[in-house]
PDB file of N, CA and C in Angstrom:
ATOM      1  N   MET A   1     133.582 102.285 107.973  1.00  0.00           N
ATOM      2  CA  MET A   1     132.659 101.324 108.558  1.00  0.00           C
ATOM      3  C   MET A   1     131.931 100.593 107.436  1.00  0.00           C
ATOM      4  N   ASP A   2     131.811  99.304 107.581  1.00  0.00           N
ATOM      5  CA  ASP A   2     131.145  98.471 106.586  1.00  0.00           C
ATOM      6  C   ASP A   2     129.671  98.343 106.939  1.00  0.00           C
ATOM      7  N   GLU A   3     128.830  99.123 106.263  1.00  0.00           N
ATOM      8  CA  GLU A   3     127.400  99.122 106.554  1.00  0.00           C
ATOM      9  C   GLU A   3     126.686  98.043 105.755  1.00  0.00           C
ATOM     10  N   PRO A   4     125.695  97.410 106.375  1.00  0.00           N
ATOM     11  CA  PRO A   4     124.937  96.381 105.657  1.00  0.00           C
ATOM     12  C   PRO A   4     124.052  97.004 104.578  1.00  0.00           C
ATOM     13  N   HIS A   5     123.898  96.311 103.461  1.00  0.00           N
ATOM     14  CA  HIS A   5     122.923  96.738 102.440  1.00  0.00           C
ATOM     15  C   HIS A   5     121.594  96.141 102.875  1.00  0.00           C
ATOM     16  N   ILE A   6     120.803  96.943 103.568  1.00  0.00           N
ATOM     17  CA  ILE A   6     119.605  96.455 104.237  1.00  0.00           C
ATOM     18  C   ILE A   6     118.584  95.844 103.281  1.00  0.00           C
ATOM     19  N   GLY A   7     118.398  96.432 102.126  1.00  0.00           N
ATOM     20  CA  GLY A   7     117.433  95.887 101.176  1.00  0.00           C
ATOM     21  C   GLY A   7     117.787  94.483 100.727  1.00  0.00           C
ATOM     22  N   ARG A   8     119.062  94.282 100.449  1.00  0.00           N
ATOM     23  CA  ARG A   8     119.528  92.962 100.034  1.00  0.00           C
ATOM     24  C   ARG A   8     119.340  91.937 101.162  1.00  0.00           C
ATOM     25  N   LEU A   9     119.609  92.359 102.385  1.00  0.00           N
ATOM     26  CA  LEU A   9     119.467  91.453 103.526  1.00  0.00           C
ATOM     27  C   LEU A   9     118.008  91.110 103.801  1.00  0.00           C
ATOM     28  N   ILE A  10     117.127  92.062 103.600  1.00  0.00           N
ATOM     29  CA  ILE A  10     115.693  91.792 103.757  1.00  0.00           C
ATOM     30  C   ILE A  10     115.249  90.771 102.708  1.00  0.00           C
ATOM     31  N   ARG A  11     115.682  90.979 101.462  1.00  0.00           N
ATOM     32  CA  ARG A  11     115.330  90.030 100.394  1.00  0.00           C
ATOM     33  C   ARG A  11     115.864  88.629 100.710  1.00  0.00           C
ATOM     34  N   GLN A  12     117.096  88.547 101.188  1.00  0.00           N
ATOM     35  CA  GLN A  12     117.674  87.246 101.534  1.00  0.00           C
ATOM     36  C   GLN A  12     116.873  86.546 102.619  1.00  0.00           C
ATOM     37  N   GLU A  13     116.455  87.306 103.628  1.00  0.00           N
ATOM     38  CA  GLU A  13     115.670  86.714 104.715  1.00  0.00           C
ATOM     39  C   GLU A  13     114.302  86.265 104.217  1.00  0.00           C
ATOM     40  N   LEU A  14     113.678  87.049 103.387  1.00  0.00           N
ATOM     41  CA  LEU A  14     112.384  86.672 102.818  1.00  0.00           C
ATOM     42  C   LEU A  14     112.512  85.364 102.043  1.00  0.00           C
ATOM     43  N   ARG A  15     113.556  85.251 101.243  1.00  0.00           N
ATOM     44  CA  ARG A  15     113.793  84.021 100.473  1.00  0.00           C
ATOM     45  C   ARG A  15     114.103  82.834 101.387  1.00  0.00           C
ATOM     46  N   ARG A  16     114.908  83.099 102.424  1.00  0.00           N
ATOM     47  CA  ARG A  16     115.259  82.029 103.365  1.00  0.00           C
ATOM     48  C   ARG A  16     113.997  81.455 104.011  1.00  0.00           C
ATOM     49  N   GLN A  17     113.038  82.333 104.282  1.00  0.00           N
ATOM     50  CA  GLN A  17     111.769  81.899 104.880  1.00  0.00           C
ATOM     51  C   GLN A  17     110.784  81.356 103.848  1.00  0.00           C
ATOM     52  N   LYS A  18     111.214  81.355 102.573  1.00  0.00           N
ATOM     53  CA  LYS A  18     110.393  80.839 101.476  1.00  0.00           C
ATOM     54  C   LYS A  18     109.043  81.562 101.376  1.00  0.00           C
ATOM     55  N   LYS A  19     109.090  82.874 101.564  1.00  0.00           N
ATOM     56  CA  LYS A  19     107.888  83.686 101.453  1.00  0.00           C
ATOM     57  C   LYS A  19     107.971  84.500 100.160  1.00  0.00           C
ATOM     58  N   THR A  20     106.825  84.785  99.598  1.00  0.00           N
ATOM     59  CA  THR A  20     106.771  85.485  98.316  1.00  0.00           C
ATOM     60  C   THR A  20     106.739  87.002  98.510  1.00  0.00           C
ATOM     61  N   ASN A  21     107.059  87.698  97.429  1.00  0.00           N
ATOM     62  CA  ASN A  21     106.964  89.156  97.437  1.00  0.00           C
ATOM     63  C   ASN A  21     105.516  89.585  97.669  1.00  0.00           C
ATOM     64  N   ARG A  22     104.588  88.861  97.101  1.00  0.00           N
ATOM     65  CA  ARG A  22     103.164  89.181  97.264  1.00  0.00           C
ATOM     66  C   ARG A  22     102.757  89.056  98.735  1.00  0.00           C
ATOM     67  N   TRP A  23     103.188  87.973  99.389  1.00  0.00           N
ATOM     68  CA  TRP A  23     102.891  87.787 100.813  1.00  0.00           C
ATOM     69  C   TRP A  23     103.458  88.955 101.616  1.00  0.00           C
ATOM     70  N   PHE A  24     104.701  89.306 101.322  1.00  0.00           N
ATOM     71  CA  PHE A  24     105.393  90.395 102.014  1.00  0.00           C
ATOM     72  C   PHE A  24     104.633  91.712 101.837  1.00  0.00           C
ATOM     73  N   ALA A  25     104.225  91.995 100.632  1.00  0.00           N
ATOM     74  CA  ALA A  25     103.470  93.215 100.339  1.00  0.00           C
ATOM     75  C   ALA A  25     102.152  93.234 101.113  1.00  0.00           C
ATOM     76  N   GLU A  26     101.469  92.109 101.152  1.00  0.00           N
ATOM     77  CA  GLU A  26     100.193  92.031 101.872  1.00  0.00           C
ATOM     78  C   GLU A  26     100.393  92.259 103.369  1.00  0.00           C
ATOM     79  N   GLN A  27     101.454  91.683 103.929  1.00  0.00           N
ATOM     80  CA  GLN A  27     101.734  91.839 105.354  1.00  0.00           C
ATOM     81  C   GLN A  27     102.021  93.291 105.712  1.00  0.00           C
ATOM     82  N   LEU A  28     102.712  93.987 104.822  1.00  0.00           N
ATOM     83  CA  LEU A  28     103.090  95.383 105.072  1.00  0.00           C
ATOM     84  C   LEU A  28     102.053  96.373 104.550  1.00  0.00           C
ATOM     85  N   ASN A  29     101.022  95.837 103.891  1.00  0.00           N
ATOM     86  CA  ASN A  29      99.967  96.665 103.303  1.00  0.00           C
ATOM     87  C   ASN A  29     100.557  97.685 102.312  1.00  0.00           C
ATOM     88  N   ILE A  30     101.397  97.179 101.414  1.00  0.00           N
ATOM     89  CA  ILE A  30     102.013  98.019 100.382  1.00  0.00           C
ATOM     90  C   ILE A  30     101.792  97.388  99.016  1.00  0.00           C
ATOM     91  N   ASN A  31     102.030  98.169  97.989  1.00  0.00           N
ATOM     92  CA  ASN A  31     101.933  97.696  96.614  1.00  0.00           C
ATOM     93  C   ASN A  31     103.058  96.692  96.359  1.00  0.00           C
ATOM     94  N   PRO A  32     102.781  95.580  95.682  1.00  0.00           N
ATOM     95  CA  PRO A  32     103.838  94.607  95.394  1.00  0.00           C
ATOM     96  C   PRO A  32     105.057  95.210  94.679  1.00  0.00           C
ATOM     97  N   ARG A  33     104.854  96.242  93.879  1.00  0.00           N
ATOM     98  CA  ARG A  33     105.998  96.882  93.206  1.00  0.00           C
ATOM     99  C   ARG A  33     106.918  97.590  94.201  1.00  0.00           C
ATOM    100  N   THR A  34     106.354  98.022  95.297  1.00  0.00           N
ATOM    101  CA  THR A  34     107.135  98.701  96.327  1.00  0.00           C
ATOM    102  C   THR A  34     108.121  97.736  96.992  1.00  0.00           C
ATOM    103  N   VAL A  35     107.793  96.469  97.004  1.00  0.00           N
ATOM    104  CA  VAL A  35     108.688  95.467  97.589  1.00  0.00           C
ATOM    105  C   VAL A  35     110.050  95.500  96.896  1.00  0.00           C
ATOM    106  N   ASN A  36     110.058  95.544  95.592  1.00  0.00           N
ATOM    107  CA  ASN A  36     111.335  95.592  94.870  1.00  0.00           C
ATOM    108  C   ASN A  36     112.114  96.870  95.190  1.00  0.00           C
ATOM    109  N   LYS A  37     111.404  97.955  95.424  1.00  0.00           N
ATOM    110  CA  LYS A  37     112.073  99.206  95.806  1.00  0.00           C
ATOM    111  C   LYS A  37     112.745  99.057  97.164  1.00  0.00           C
ATOM    112  N   ILE A  38     112.094  98.351  98.073  1.00  0.00           N
ATOM    113  CA  ILE A  38     112.695  98.098  99.391  1.00  0.00           C
ATOM    114  C   ILE A  38     113.980  97.303  99.224  1.00  0.00           C
ATOM    115  N   PHE A  39     113.952  96.296  98.365  1.00  0.00           N
ATOM    116  CA  PHE A  39     115.125  95.449  98.168  1.00  0.00           C
ATOM    117  C   PHE A  39     116.320  96.231  97.616  1.00  0.00           C
ATOM    118  N   GLN A  40     116.053  97.312  96.927  1.00  0.00           N
ATOM    119  CA  GLN A  40     117.122  98.122  96.335  1.00  0.00           C
ATOM    120  C   GLN A  40     117.699  99.140  97.310  1.00  0.00           C
ATOM    121  N   LYS A  41     117.032  99.354  98.424  1.00  0.00           N
ATOM    122  CA  LYS A  41     117.457 100.389  99.368  1.00  0.00           C
ATOM    123  C   LYS A  41     118.702  99.983 100.151  1.00  0.00           C
ATOM    124  N   ASN A  42     119.616 100.923 100.248  1.00  0.00           N
ATOM    125  CA  ASN A  42     120.781 100.738 101.105  1.00  0.00           C
ATOM    126  C   ASN A  42     120.521 101.373 102.474  1.00  0.00           C
ATOM    127  N   VAL A  43     119.562 102.307 102.514  1.00  0.00           N
ATOM    128  CA  VAL A  43     119.166 102.996 103.737  1.00  0.00           C
ATOM    129  C   VAL A  43     117.647 102.900 103.828  1.00  0.00           C
ATOM    130  N   ILE A  44     117.155 102.702 105.054  1.00  0.00           N
ATOM    131  CA  ILE A  44     115.710 102.537 105.218  1.00  0.00           C
ATOM    132  C   ILE A  44     115.247 103.274 106.474  1.00  0.00           C
ATOM    133  N   ASP A  45     114.050 103.800 106.422  1.00  0.00           N
ATOM    134  CA  ASP A  45     113.436 104.481 107.553  1.00  0.00           C
ATOM    135  C   ASP A  45     113.292 103.494 108.723  1.00  0.00           C
ATOM    136  N   THR A  46     113.556 103.955 109.946  1.00  0.00           N
ATOM    137  CA  THR A  46     113.512 103.048 111.099  1.00  0.00           C
ATOM    138  C   THR A  46     112.118 102.494 111.357  1.00  0.00           C
ATOM    139  N   HIS A  47     111.080 103.288 111.127  1.00  0.00           N
ATOM    140  CA  HIS A  47     109.724 102.774 111.333  1.00  0.00           C
ATOM    141  C   HIS A  47     109.415 101.651 110.329  1.00  0.00           C
ATOM    142  N   GLN A  48     109.804 101.871 109.089  1.00  0.00           N
ATOM    143  CA  GLN A  48     109.578 100.834 108.079  1.00  0.00           C
ATOM    144  C   GLN A  48     110.395  99.582 108.417  1.00  0.00           C
ATOM    145  N   LEU A  49     111.609  99.780 108.894  1.00  0.00           N
ATOM    146  CA  LEU A  49     112.430  98.622 109.268  1.00  0.00           C
ATOM    147  C   LEU A  49     111.812  97.870 110.436  1.00  0.00           C
ATOM    148  N   LEU A  50     111.223  98.584 111.377  1.00  0.00           N
ATOM    149  CA  LEU A  50     110.550  97.933 112.497  1.00  0.00           C
ATOM    150  C   LEU A  50     109.381  97.075 112.006  1.00  0.00           C
ATOM    151  N   LEU A  51     108.584  97.611 111.091  1.00  0.00           N
ATOM    152  CA  LEU A  51     107.460  96.839 110.536  1.00  0.00           C
ATOM    153  C   LEU A  51     107.956  95.587 109.816  1.00  0.00           C
ATOM    154  N   ILE A  52     109.034  95.736 109.058  1.00  0.00           N
ATOM    155  CA  ILE A  52     109.611  94.605 108.324  1.00  0.00           C
ATOM    156  C   ILE A  52     110.177  93.578 109.298  1.00  0.00           C
ATOM    157  N   ALA A  53     110.861  94.053 110.323  1.00  0.00           N
ATOM    158  CA  ALA A  53     111.444  93.153 111.331  1.00  0.00           C
ATOM    159  C   ALA A  53     110.357  92.335 112.015  1.00  0.00           C
ATOM    160  N   ARG A  54     109.256  92.984 112.344  1.00  0.00           N
ATOM    161  CA  ARG A  54     108.133  92.263 112.966  1.00  0.00           C
ATOM    162  C   ARG A  54     107.526  91.258 111.992  1.00  0.00           C
ATOM    163  N   CYS A  55     107.364  91.670 110.754  1.00  0.00           N
ATOM    164  CA  CYS A  55     106.771  90.812 109.727  1.00  0.00           C
ATOM    165  C   CYS A  55     107.596  89.539 109.530  1.00  0.00           C
ATOM    166  N   LEU A  56     108.912  89.694 109.485  1.00  0.00           N
ATOM    167  CA  LEU A  56     109.803  88.554 109.226  1.00  0.00           C
ATOM    168  C   LEU A  56     110.379  87.958 110.513  1.00  0.00           C
ATOM    169  N   ASN A  57     109.967  88.522 111.649  1.00  0.00           N
ATOM    170  CA  ASN A  57     110.462  88.052 112.948  1.00  0.00           C
ATOM    171  C   ASN A  57     112.001  87.964 112.953  1.00  0.00           C
ATOM    172  N   THR A  58     112.630  89.047 112.500  1.00  0.00           N
ATOM    173  CA  THR A  58     114.085  89.102 112.369  1.00  0.00           C
ATOM    174  C   THR A  58     114.580  90.448 112.868  1.00  0.00           C
ATOM    175  N   ASP A  59     115.620  90.433 113.695  1.00  0.00           N
ATOM    176  CA  ASP A  59     116.166  91.672 114.251  1.00  0.00           C
ATOM    177  C   ASP A  59     117.174  92.291 113.288  1.00  0.00           C
ATOM    178  N   PHE A  60     116.672  93.066 112.341  1.00  0.00           N
ATOM    179  CA  PHE A  60     117.548  93.736 111.388  1.00  0.00           C
ATOM    180  C   PHE A  60     118.342  94.861 112.046  1.00  0.00           C
ATOM    181  N   PHE A  61     117.851  95.395 113.154  1.00  0.00           N
ATOM    182  CA  PHE A  61     118.563  96.458 113.863  1.00  0.00           C
ATOM    183  C   PHE A  61     119.907  95.966 114.403  1.00  0.00           C
ATOM    184  N   ARG A  62     119.965  94.688 114.737  1.00  0.00           N
ATOM    185  CA  ARG A  62     121.203  94.093 115.237  1.00  0.00           C
ATOM    186  C   ARG A  62     122.329  94.236 114.223  1.00  0.00           C
ATOM    187  N   LEU A  63     122.001  94.203 112.944  1.00  0.00           N
ATOM    188  CA  LEU A  63     123.009  94.340 111.914  1.00  0.00           C
ATOM    189  C   LEU A  63     123.731  95.680 112.019  1.00  0.00           C
ATOM    190  N   TYR A  64     122.972  96.709 112.358  1.00  0.00           N
ATOM    191  CA  TYR A  64     123.581  98.036 112.530  1.00  0.00           C
ATOM    192  C   TYR A  64     124.383  98.105 113.815  1.00  0.00           C
ATOM    193  N   SER A  65     123.856  97.504 114.882  1.00  0.00           N
ATOM    194  CA  SER A  65     124.588  97.479 116.148  1.00  0.00           C
ATOM    195  C   SER A  65     125.910  96.743 115.984  1.00  0.00           C
ATOM    196  N   ASP A  66     125.869  95.630 115.280  1.00  0.00           N
ATOM    197  CA  ASP A  66     127.095  94.859 115.040  1.00  0.00           C
ATOM    198  C   ASP A  66     128.112  95.646 114.220  1.00  0.00           C
ATOM    199  N   ALA A  67     127.623  96.494 113.328  1.00  0.00           N
ATOM    200  CA  ALA A  67     128.516  97.294 112.477  1.00  0.00           C
ATOM    201  C   ALA A  67     129.260  98.357 113.296  1.00  0.00           C
ATOM    202  N   LEU A  68     128.739  98.685 114.485  1.00  0.00           N
ATOM    203  CA  LEU A  68     129.399  99.662 115.340  1.00  0.00           C
ATOM    204  C   LEU A  68     130.601  99.084 116.062  1.00  0.00           C
ATOM    205  N   LYS A  69     130.651  97.788 116.178  1.00  0.00           N
ATOM    206  CA  LYS A  69     131.725  97.130 116.939  1.00  0.00           C
ATOM    207  C   LYS A  69     133.034  97.105 116.180  1.00  0.00           C
TER     208      LYS A  69
END
């Protein structure tokens, strides 16, 4: 199964929306250095992904559902 690299996809969406790492960190109430750690993750906690999905108004869970097909 070809699983999405979630961190890379989150970074791509953030860039597509022309939002900064600092903005992202502030929205998630995390340290700006932690943002880069998120981008490197291939696997992410579902609660954290939910917060990120809400922040970026993007259904990242769909990527996993699509990978099941």
